[in-house]
C-alpha atoms as a PDB file:
ATOM      1  CA  MET A   1       0.000   0.000   0.000  1.00  0.00           C
ATOM      2  CA  SER A   2       1.172   3.497  -0.835  1.00  0.00           C
ATOM      3  CA  LYS A   3       2.291   5.850   1.882  1.00  0.00           C
ATOM      4  CA  VAL A   4      -0.442   8.349   2.728  1.00  0.00           C
ATOM      5  CA  GLU A   5       0.555  11.972   3.194  1.00  0.00           C
ATOM      6  CA  LYS A   6      -1.555  14.886   4.296  1.00  0.00           C
ATOM      7  CA  ILE A   7      -1.765  18.069   2.269  1.00  0.00           C
ATOM      8  CA  SER A   8      -3.759  21.245   2.611  1.00  0.00           C
ATOM      9  CA  VAL A   9      -6.117  22.218  -0.198  1.00  0.00           C
ATOM     10  CA  SER A  10      -7.872  25.567  -0.493  1.00  0.00           C
ATOM     11  CA  LEU A  11     -11.341  25.518  -2.059  1.00  0.00           C
ATOM     12  CA  THR A  12     -13.820  28.198  -2.958  1.00  0.00           C
ATOM     13  CA  GLY A  13     -16.920  28.326  -0.789  1.00  0.00           C
ATOM     14  CA  GLU A  14     -18.944  26.846  -3.640  1.00  0.00           C
ATOM     15  CA  LEU A  15     -16.629  23.856  -4.077  1.00  0.00           C
ATOM     16  CA  LEU A  16     -16.399  23.309  -0.331  1.00  0.00           C
ATOM     17  CA  ALA A  17     -20.198  23.268  -0.092  1.00  0.00           C
ATOM     18  CA  GLU A  18     -20.373  20.673  -2.881  1.00  0.00           C
ATOM     19  CA  VAL A  19     -17.777  18.486  -1.177  1.00  0.00           C
ATOM     20  CA  GLN A  20     -19.573  18.747   2.157  1.00  0.00           C
ATOM     21  CA  GLN A  21     -22.912  17.961   0.485  1.00  0.00           C
ATOM     22  CA  ALA A  22     -21.422  14.854  -1.132  1.00  0.00           C
ATOM     23  CA  VAL A  23     -20.330  13.653   2.314  1.00  0.00           C
ATOM     24  CA  ALA A  24     -23.600  14.648   4.006  1.00  0.00           C
ATOM     25  CA  SER A  25     -25.637  12.784   1.375  1.00  0.00           C
ATOM     26  CA  GLY A  26     -23.691   9.611   2.085  1.00  0.00           C
ATOM     27  CA  ASP A  27     -22.120   9.423  -1.368  1.00  0.00           C
ATOM     28  CA  PHE A  28     -18.701   9.647   0.284  1.00  0.00           C
ATOM     29  CA  ALA A  29     -17.490   8.817   3.775  1.00  0.00           C
ATOM     30  CA  SER A  30     -15.194  11.843   4.103  1.00  0.00           C
ATOM     31  CA  THR A  31     -13.958  14.953   2.367  1.00  0.00           C
ATOM     32  CA  SER A  32     -10.678  13.144   1.739  1.00  0.00           C
ATOM     33  CA  GLU A  33     -12.567  10.432  -0.130  1.00  0.00           C
ATOM     34  CA  VAL A  34     -14.210  13.076  -2.359  1.00  0.00           C
ATOM     35  CA  VAL A  35     -10.833  14.615  -3.187  1.00  0.00           C
ATOM     36  CA  ARG A  36      -9.253  11.204  -3.878  1.00  0.00           C
ATOM     37  CA  ALA A  37     -12.126  10.309  -6.238  1.00  0.00           C
ATOM     38  CA  ALA A  38     -11.764  13.632  -8.037  1.00  0.00           C
ATOM     39  CA  LEU A  39      -8.012  13.143  -8.418  1.00  0.00           C
ATOM     40  CA  ARG A  40      -8.465   9.610  -9.776  1.00  0.00           C
ATOM     41  CA  GLU A  41     -10.909  10.943 -12.370  1.00  0.00           C
ATOM     42  CA  TRP A  42      -8.534  13.796 -13.249  1.00  0.00           C
ATOM     43  CA  ARG A  43      -5.671  11.320 -13.695  1.00  0.00           C
ATOM     44  CA  GLU A  44      -7.794   9.093 -15.964  1.00  0.00           C
ATOM     45  CA  GLN A  45      -8.896  12.092 -18.030  1.00  0.00           C
ATOM     46  CA  ARG A  46      -5.279  13.166 -18.526  1.00  0.00           C
ATOM     47  CA  ALA A  47      -4.337   9.636 -19.602  1.00  0.00           C
ATOM     48  CA  ARG A  48      -7.223   9.521 -22.121  1.00  0.00           C
ATOM     49  CA  GLN A  49      -6.240  12.939 -23.456  1.00  0.00           C
ATOM     50  CA  HIS A  50      -2.635  11.808 -23.875  1.00  0.00           C
ATOM     51  CA  ILE A  51      -3.705   8.683 -25.774  1.00  0.00           C
ATOM     52  CA  THR A  52      -5.970  10.730 -28.026  1.00  0.00           C
ATOM     53  CA  THR A  53      -3.250  13.290 -28.701  1.00  0.00           C
ATOM     54  CA  ALA A  54      -0.702  10.569 -29.448  1.00  0.00           C
ATOM     55  CA  HIS A  55      -3.155   8.838 -31.770  1.00  0.00           C
ATOM     56  CA  LEU A  56      -3.921  12.069 -33.644  1.00  0.00           C
ATOM     57  CA  ARG A  57      -0.224  12.862 -34.004  1.00  0.00           C
ATOM     58  CA  ARG A  58       0.385   9.393 -35.432  1.00  0.00           C
ATOM     59  CA  LEU A  59      -2.491   9.834 -37.916  1.00  0.00           C
ATOM     60  CA  LEU A  60      -1.198  13.256 -39.011  1.00  0.00           C
ATOM     61  CA  THR A  61       2.292  11.853 -39.477  1.00  0.00           C
ATOM     62  CA  GLU A  62       0.921   8.986 -41.567  1.00  0.00           C
ATOM     63  CA  ALA A  63      -1.173  11.377 -43.652  1.00  0.00           C
ATOM     64  CA  GLU A  64       1.779  13.679 -44.283  1.00  0.00           C
ATOM     65  CA  ALA A  65       3.983  10.724 -45.222  1.00  0.00           C
ATOM     66  CA  SER A  66       1.387   9.286 -47.614  1.00  0.00           C
ATOM     67  CA  GLY A  67       1.836  12.170 -50.031  1.00  0.00           C
ATOM     68  CA  TYR A  68      -1.941  12.424 -50.512  1.00  0.00           C
ATOM     69  CA  THR A  69      -2.606  15.980 -51.643  1.00  0.00           C
ATOM     70  CA  GLU A  70      -6.260  16.076 -52.754  1.00  0.00           C
ATOM     71  CA  GLY A  71      -7.901  19.008 -51.012  1.00  0.00           C
ATOM     72  CA  ALA A  72      -4.474  20.539 -50.237  1.00  0.00           C
ATOM     73  CA  LEU A  73      -4.627  20.124 -46.471  1.00  0.00           C
ATOM     74  CA  ASP A  74      -2.599  22.597 -44.459  1.00  0.00           C
ATOM     75  CA  PHE A  75      -1.326  20.415 -41.619  1.00  0.00           C
ATOM     76  CA  ALA A  76       0.341  23.311 -39.838  1.00  0.00           C
ATOM     77  CA  ALA A  77      -2.999  25.161 -39.747  1.00  0.00           C
ATOM     78  CA  ILE A  78      -4.827  22.016 -38.604  1.00  0.00           C
ATOM     79  CA  LYS A  79      -2.315  21.504 -35.798  1.00  0.00           C
ATOM     80  CA  ALA A  80      -2.534  25.162 -34.767  1.00  0.00           C
ATOM     81  CA  GLU A  81      -6.336  24.985 -34.638  1.00  0.00           C
ATOM     82  CA  GLY A  82      -6.166  21.801 -32.574  1.00  0.00           C
ATOM     83  CA  ARG A  83      -3.787  23.447 -30.116  1.00  0.00           C
ATOM     84  CA  ARG A  84      -6.054  26.508 -29.911  1.00  0.00           C
ATOM     85  CA  ARG A  85      -9.097  24.326 -29.180  1.00  0.00           C
ATOM     86  CA  LEU A  86      -7.214  22.281 -26.616  1.00  0.00           C
ATOM     87  CA  SER A  87      -5.995  25.381 -24.773  1.00  0.00           C
ATOM     88  CA  SER A  88      -9.495  26.879 -24.751  1.00  0.00           C
ATOM     89  CA  THR A  89     -10.937  23.752 -23.084  1.00  0.00           C
ATOM     90  CA  ALA A  90      -8.246  23.837 -20.396  1.00  0.00           C
ATOM     91  CA  GLU A  91      -9.263  27.303 -19.245  1.00  0.00           C
END
């Protein structure tokens, strides 16, 4: 079993109320359990995002290497738009 360490986390009043409500409703046994569940979900989301990004990069590389030019795709513009969209969802 992993070593457990305590940390301090600051939350807005709104988030704190949601965490406390989750515990009060019986969905979670403690505030720590809520935070651990949220962190597990965050970690899984990051892993899925990484796989998706890696897959898209591989597809773009294959498309560029294929020499297919119908429609004259601008891969630099496509990549830039993808980066713009990704950064806007992170905000």
